[in-house]
Amino acid sequence: MCPTSSSASAAKIGSYTGLYYLFSMLAATLSPPIVGRLMDGFGLSVMFIFTPAFMLLAVLFMLGVKRSEPVTEVTQGKLEMVGEADF
């Protein structure tokens, strides 16, 4: 199972959210110059090769994500979020 913020304990939710935003922003920042260089070197047709390949890769990664609803429990007077991975 891929770690998601909804399956994280309260202590780890910030780390999971930070990793999500790190990779999301890296992809948004790095992909235009990389694709631009590839298109300059190989022509416009390279976009039609890499787009379906990376779309398939994204679908494969999404198949590994399991949807889970956080469970709340009261521990020593505090409300804590508990995901399936914490059981």
C-alpha atoms as a PDB file:
ATOM      1  CA  MET A   1       0.000   0.000   0.000  1.00  0.00           C
ATOM      2  CA  CYS A   2       1.280   3.462  -0.889  1.00  0.00           C
ATOM      3  CA  PRO A   3       1.397   5.859   2.039  1.00  0.00           C
ATOM      4  CA  THR A   4      -1.197   8.630   1.846  1.00  0.00           C
ATOM      5  CA  SER A   5      -2.033  11.428   4.229  1.00  0.00           C
ATOM      6  CA  SER A   6      -5.371   9.799   5.054  1.00  0.00           C
ATOM      7  CA  SER A   7      -3.596   6.645   6.290  1.00  0.00           C
ATOM      8  CA  ALA A   8      -0.966   8.496   8.332  1.00  0.00           C
ATOM      9  CA  SER A   9      -0.904   8.872  12.062  1.00  0.00           C
ATOM     10  CA  ALA A  10      -1.219  12.380  13.466  1.00  0.00           C
ATOM     11  CA  ALA A  11       2.543  12.506  13.992  1.00  0.00           C
ATOM     12  CA  LYS A  12       3.318  11.649  10.356  1.00  0.00           C
ATOM     13  CA  ILE A  13       0.628  13.546   8.439  1.00  0.00           C
ATOM     14  CA  GLY A  14       2.852  16.593   7.942  1.00  0.00           C
ATOM     15  CA  SER A  15       5.632  14.449   6.489  1.00  0.00           C
ATOM     16  CA  TYR A  16       3.281  12.684   4.066  1.00  0.00           C
ATOM     17  CA  THR A  17       1.718  15.962   2.976  1.00  0.00           C
ATOM     18  CA  GLY A  18       5.152  17.512   2.497  1.00  0.00           C
ATOM     19  CA  LEU A  19       6.322  14.604   0.349  1.00  0.00           C
ATOM     20  CA  TYR A  20       3.169  14.851  -1.740  1.00  0.00           C
ATOM     21  CA  TYR A  21       3.739  18.548  -2.426  1.00  0.00           C
ATOM     22  CA  LEU A  22       7.480  18.058  -3.026  1.00  0.00           C
ATOM     23  CA  PHE A  23       6.968  15.513  -5.807  1.00  0.00           C
ATOM     24  CA  SER A  24       3.969  17.355  -7.212  1.00  0.00           C
ATOM     25  CA  MET A  25       5.914  20.603  -7.532  1.00  0.00           C
ATOM     26  CA  LEU A  26       9.029  18.818  -8.853  1.00  0.00           C
ATOM     27  CA  ALA A  27       6.973  17.266 -11.643  1.00  0.00           C
ATOM     28  CA  ALA A  28       5.308  20.558 -12.513  1.00  0.00           C
ATOM     29  CA  THR A  29       8.664  22.380 -12.526  1.00  0.00           C
ATOM     30  CA  LEU A  30      10.892  19.855 -14.276  1.00  0.00           C
ATOM     31  CA  SER A  31       8.626  18.353 -16.925  1.00  0.00           C
ATOM     32  CA  PRO A  32       8.217  21.392 -19.255  1.00  0.00           C
ATOM     33  CA  PRO A  33      11.978  21.943 -19.769  1.00  0.00           C
ATOM     34  CA  ILE A  34      12.628  18.203 -20.119  1.00  0.00           C
ATOM     35  CA  VAL A  35       9.866  17.732 -22.693  1.00  0.00           C
ATOM     36  CA  GLY A  36      10.975  20.923 -24.464  1.00  0.00           C
ATOM     37  CA  ARG A  37      14.538  19.614 -24.795  1.00  0.00           C
ATOM     38  CA  LEU A  38      13.263  16.266 -26.063  1.00  0.00           C
ATOM     39  CA  MET A  39      11.018  17.995 -28.594  1.00  0.00           C
ATOM     40  CA  ASP A  40      13.923  20.178 -29.758  1.00  0.00           C
ATOM     41  CA  GLY A  41      16.096  17.113 -30.230  1.00  0.00           C
ATOM     42  CA  PHE A  42      13.608  14.591 -31.618  1.00  0.00           C
ATOM     43  CA  GLY A  43      10.724  16.673 -32.936  1.00  0.00           C
ATOM     44  CA  LEU A  44       7.081  16.948 -31.989  1.00  0.00           C
ATOM     45  CA  SER A  45       6.472  13.209 -32.296  1.00  0.00           C
ATOM     46  CA  VAL A  46       8.365  12.516 -29.037  1.00  0.00           C
ATOM     47  CA  MET A  47       5.463  14.076 -27.126  1.00  0.00           C
ATOM     48  CA  PHE A  48       3.081  11.467 -28.547  1.00  0.00           C
ATOM     49  CA  ILE A  49       5.385   8.673 -27.344  1.00  0.00           C
ATOM     50  CA  PHE A  50       6.069   9.906 -23.820  1.00  0.00           C
ATOM     51  CA  THR A  51       2.561  11.132 -22.995  1.00  0.00           C
ATOM     52  CA  PRO A  52       0.854   7.691 -23.119  1.00  0.00           C
ATOM     53  CA  ALA A  53       3.857   6.054 -21.445  1.00  0.00           C
ATOM     54  CA  PHE A  54       3.766   8.384 -18.455  1.00  0.00           C
ATOM     55  CA  MET A  55      -0.026   8.263 -18.326  1.00  0.00           C
ATOM     56  CA  LEU A  56       0.191   4.477 -18.011  1.00  0.00           C
ATOM     57  CA  LEU A  57       2.866   4.844 -15.321  1.00  0.00           C
ATOM     58  CA  ALA A  58       0.594   7.238 -13.392  1.00  0.00           C
ATOM     59  CA  VAL A  59      -2.320   4.787 -13.620  1.00  0.00           C
ATOM     60  CA  LEU A  60      -0.111   1.978 -12.295  1.00  0.00           C
ATOM     61  CA  PHE A  61       0.918   4.114  -9.328  1.00  0.00           C
ATOM     62  CA  MET A  62      -2.697   5.066  -8.642  1.00  0.00           C
ATOM     63  CA  LEU A  63      -3.695   1.402  -8.553  1.00  0.00           C
ATOM     64  CA  GLY A  64      -1.377   1.047  -5.551  1.00  0.00           C
ATOM     65  CA  VAL A  65      -3.192   3.741  -3.560  1.00  0.00           C
ATOM     66  CA  LYS A  66      -5.789   2.379  -1.171  1.00  0.00           C
ATOM     67  CA  ARG A  67      -8.605   4.644  -0.059  1.00  0.00           C
ATOM     68  CA  SER A  68      -9.084   4.602   3.678  1.00  0.00           C
ATOM     69  CA  GLU A  69     -11.150   6.761   5.961  1.00  0.00           C
ATOM     70  CA  PRO A  70      -9.353   7.961   9.090  1.00  0.00           C
ATOM     71  CA  VAL A  71     -10.645   6.597  12.366  1.00  0.00           C
ATOM     72  CA  THR A  72     -10.725   8.856  15.401  1.00  0.00           C
ATOM     73  CA  GLU A  73      -9.924   7.625  18.858  1.00  0.00           C
ATOM     74  CA  VAL A  74      -9.487   9.360  22.177  1.00  0.00           C
ATOM     75  CA  THR A  75      -6.094   8.730  23.772  1.00  0.00           C
ATOM     76  CA  GLN A  76      -5.341  10.247  27.179  1.00  0.00           C
ATOM     77  CA  GLY A  77      -7.869  13.009  26.693  1.00  0.00           C
ATOM     78  CA  LYS A  78      -6.656  13.939  23.184  1.00  0.00           C
ATOM     79  CA  LEU A  79      -8.422  13.242  19.893  1.00  0.00           C
ATOM     80  CA  GLU A  80      -6.042  11.394  17.559  1.00  0.00           C
ATOM     81  CA  MET A  81      -6.418  10.438  13.901  1.00  0.00           C
ATOM     82  CA  VAL A  82      -5.652   6.771  13.298  1.00  0.00           C
ATOM     83  CA  GLY A  83      -5.325   5.220   9.850  1.00  0.00           C
ATOM     84  CA  GLU A  84      -5.394   1.550   8.871  1.00  0.00           C
ATOM     85  CA  ALA A  85      -1.596   1.365   8.886  1.00  0.00           C
ATOM     86  CA  ASP A  86      -1.573   2.187  12.610  1.00  0.00           C
ATOM     87  CA  PHE A  87      -3.607  -0.843  13.671  1.00  0.00           C
END
